[in-house]
Amino acid sequence: MKTLYLVRHAKSSWKYEVDDHMRPLKKRGHNDAKLVSEKITSEVEQPQKILSSDANRARTTAEYFKKALSVTDDNYELTHDLYDFSGQQVMHVIKNLDNSLDRVMIVGHNHAFTSTVNMMGSKKIENLPTSGFVMIEFDEDDWNNVSTGVTKKMVFPRHLKK
């Protein structure tokens, strides 16, 4: 059994004149990433590894989840391969995960993540919102063979706000 946690980076700021790769989170992004990451700690098992896009907004989001889920530095990795908007590189990353890992979290970008959730999960969504978390389980022992799994959990910031 393989379990994939997907997290779309938190809300980023367009206030600064920086390269897209360097865009920071806005205040709402920090708040939402903290809210969702803390919510899931009691609802999911700790991932054995977190892989995040190396873009500033994704990395910062991943660090909230890393802290909340007590993931060590050894089990946390930044990769430019997840700085992907089409989904091709995201699928490549997933298919090439180490088979010794059963639970992995990836943090990245739209439209790639909405497409991946819809392609691999059992529940279709219109849009994976910023700071959105999705858990998909696969009845497979080899990441290279994962295709369609069962969407077990979705936690979006709007679910946690009154």
Protein backbone atom coordinates (compact mmCIF):
# COMPACT_ATOMS: atom_id res chain seq x y z
CA MET A 1 0.00 0.00 0.00
CA LYS A 2 1.32 3.43 -1.00
CA THR A 3 -0.05 6.70 0.33
CA LEU A 4 0.50 10.06 -1.32
CA TYR A 5 -0.13 13.39 0.38
CA LEU A 6 -0.38 16.34 -2.01
CA VAL A 7 -0.24 19.94 -0.81
CA ARG A 8 -0.59 22.98 -3.01
CA HIS A 9 1.59 25.85 -1.83
CA ALA A 10 -0.08 28.50 0.33
CA LYS A 11 -1.31 31.86 -0.98
CA SER A 12 1.59 33.85 -2.35
CA SER A 13 2.15 37.56 -2.57
CA TRP A 14 2.36 39.53 -5.80
CA LYS A 15 3.36 42.65 -3.89
CA TYR A 16 7.09 42.30 -4.53
CA GLU A 17 8.88 42.66 -7.83
CA VAL A 18 10.69 39.35 -7.72
CA ASP A 19 11.13 36.42 -10.09
CA ASP A 20 8.20 33.95 -9.92
CA HIS A 21 10.45 31.36 -8.30
CA MET A 22 11.21 33.74 -5.42
CA ARG A 23 7.66 34.92 -4.66
CA PRO A 24 6.97 34.77 -0.89
CA LEU A 25 3.80 33.86 0.95
CA LYS A 26 1.39 36.57 1.97
CA LYS A 27 0.08 36.74 5.56
CA ARG A 28 -3.01 34.69 4.66
CA GLY A 29 -0.73 32.03 3.17
CA HIS A 30 1.25 31.70 6.39
CA ASN A 31 -1.96 31.48 8.41
CA ASP A 32 -3.59 28.89 6.12
CA ALA A 33 -0.49 26.68 5.90
CA LYS A 34 -0.24 26.65 9.69
CA LEU A 35 -3.96 25.94 10.07
CA VAL A 36 -4.07 23.00 7.62
CA SER A 37 -0.74 21.49 8.71
CA GLU A 38 -1.78 21.50 12.37
CA LYS A 39 -5.22 20.06 11.55
CA ILE A 40 -3.89 17.02 9.71
CA THR A 41 -1.37 16.04 12.41
CA SER A 42 -4.05 14.14 14.32
CA GLU A 43 -5.66 12.71 11.20
CA VAL A 44 -2.85 11.20 9.12
CA GLU A 45 0.31 9.23 9.70
CA GLN A 46 3.60 11.07 9.49
CA PRO A 47 5.02 10.97 5.97
CA GLN A 48 8.31 9.14 5.68
CA LYS A 49 9.50 11.86 3.32
CA ILE A 50 8.45 15.34 2.21
CA LEU A 51 9.47 16.47 -1.28
CA SER A 52 8.82 20.09 -2.17
CA SER A 53 9.28 22.36 -5.13
CA ASP A 54 12.28 24.58 -4.53
CA ALA A 55 10.20 27.71 -5.23
CA ASN A 56 10.09 29.99 -2.20
CA ARG A 57 6.31 29.78 -1.72
CA ALA A 58 6.27 25.97 -1.89
CA ARG A 59 9.33 25.58 0.34
CA THR A 60 7.85 27.88 2.98
CA THR A 61 4.55 25.95 2.88
CA ALA A 62 6.38 22.62 3.15
CA GLU A 63 8.22 23.84 6.23
CA TYR A 64 4.91 24.34 8.07
CA PHE A 65 3.97 20.71 7.32
CA LYS A 66 7.48 19.49 8.16
CA LYS A 67 7.29 21.13 11.58
CA ALA A 68 3.70 20.09 12.36
CA LEU A 69 4.34 16.47 11.35
CA SER A 70 7.77 16.30 13.04
CA VAL A 71 9.58 15.31 9.85
CA THR A 72 13.38 15.40 10.21
CA ASP A 73 15.75 17.27 7.91
CA ASP A 74 16.99 13.90 6.60
CA ASN A 75 13.47 13.15 5.32
CA TYR A 76 12.88 16.54 3.70
CA GLU A 77 14.04 17.40 0.20
CA LEU A 78 13.67 20.31 -2.20
CA THR A 79 13.53 19.51 -5.89
CA HIS A 80 13.23 21.72 -8.92
CA ASP A 81 11.31 18.88 -10.62
CA LEU A 82 8.20 19.88 -8.62
CA TYR A 83 8.38 23.46 -9.94
CA ASP A 84 5.98 22.19 -12.58
CA PHE A 85 2.66 23.53 -13.75
CA SER A 86 1.61 20.92 -16.32
CA GLY A 87 1.96 17.80 -14.18
CA GLN A 88 4.42 15.84 -16.31
CA GLN A 89 7.31 16.35 -13.92
CA VAL A 90 5.03 15.75 -10.91
CA MET A 91 4.09 12.34 -12.33
CA HIS A 92 7.76 11.60 -13.00
CA VAL A 93 8.61 12.40 -9.36
CA ILE A 94 5.79 10.17 -8.06
CA LYS A 95 6.59 7.24 -10.36
CA ASN A 96 10.26 7.38 -9.33
CA LEU A 97 9.80 7.49 -5.56
CA ASP A 98 11.87 5.00 -3.58
CA ASN A 99 9.77 1.86 -2.99
CA SER A 100 11.03 1.63 0.59
CA LEU A 101 8.76 4.65 1.25
CA ASP A 102 5.06 3.95 1.81
CA ARG A 103 3.89 7.49 2.77
CA VAL A 104 5.20 10.53 0.92
CA MET A 105 4.11 14.17 0.87
CA ILE A 106 4.76 16.34 -2.15
CA VAL A 107 4.32 20.12 -2.15
CA GLY A 108 3.95 22.07 -5.36
CA HIS A 109 1.90 24.13 -7.75
CA ASN A 110 -1.28 24.35 -9.78
CA HIS A 111 -2.44 23.41 -12.38
CA ALA A 112 -0.24 20.37 -11.99
CA PHE A 113 -1.58 19.44 -8.56
CA THR A 114 -5.29 19.75 -9.42
CA SER A 115 -4.65 17.62 -12.52
CA THR A 116 -2.72 15.03 -10.50
CA VAL A 117 -5.43 14.82 -7.82
CA ASN A 118 -8.10 14.34 -10.50
CA MET A 119 -6.07 11.85 -12.50
CA MET A 120 -4.91 9.71 -9.56
CA GLY A 121 -7.71 10.11 -7.01
CA SER A 122 -11.26 8.83 -6.82
CA LYS A 123 -12.86 12.24 -6.15
CA LYS A 124 -12.80 14.99 -8.74
CA ILE A 125 -12.26 18.58 -7.68
CA GLU A 126 -12.54 21.76 -9.68
CA ASN A 127 -9.47 23.33 -8.09
CA LEU A 128 -7.04 22.36 -5.35
CA PRO A 129 -6.96 25.58 -3.35
CA THR A 130 -3.84 27.14 -1.92
CA SER A 131 -2.79 25.26 1.25
CA GLY A 132 -5.11 22.44 0.16
CA PHE A 133 -4.21 18.92 1.35
CA VAL A 134 -5.27 15.67 -0.37
CA MET A 135 -4.50 12.10 0.69
CA ILE A 136 -4.68 9.31 -1.89
CA GLU A 137 -4.09 5.61 -1.13
CA PHE A 138 -2.98 3.12 -3.77
CA ASP A 139 -3.29 -0.65 -3.56
CA GLU A 140 0.24 -1.03 -4.94
CA ASP A 141 3.69 -1.83 -3.61
CA ASP A 142 5.60 -0.10 -6.39
CA TRP A 143 5.36 3.65 -6.97
CA ASN A 144 6.00 3.09 -10.66
CA ASN A 145 2.71 1.16 -10.88
CA VAL A 146 0.45 3.64 -9.08
CA SER A 147 -2.31 4.98 -11.29
CA THR A 148 -5.77 5.38 -9.76
CA GLY A 149 -6.17 5.27 -6.02
CA VAL A 150 -8.77 6.16 -3.43
CA THR A 151 -9.03 9.74 -2.21
CA LYS A 152 -9.17 9.27 1.57
CA LYS A 153 -9.02 12.83 2.84
CA MET A 154 -9.21 16.42 1.66
CA VAL A 155 -8.55 19.36 3.97
CA PHE A 156 -8.86 22.86 2.57
CA PRO A 157 -8.49 26.10 4.54
CA ARG A 158 -12.17 26.96 3.98
CA HIS A 159 -13.14 23.74 5.81
CA LEU A 160 -11.41 25.06 8.92
CA LYS A 161 -12.64 28.65 9.00
CA LYS A 162 -15.94 29.87 10.37
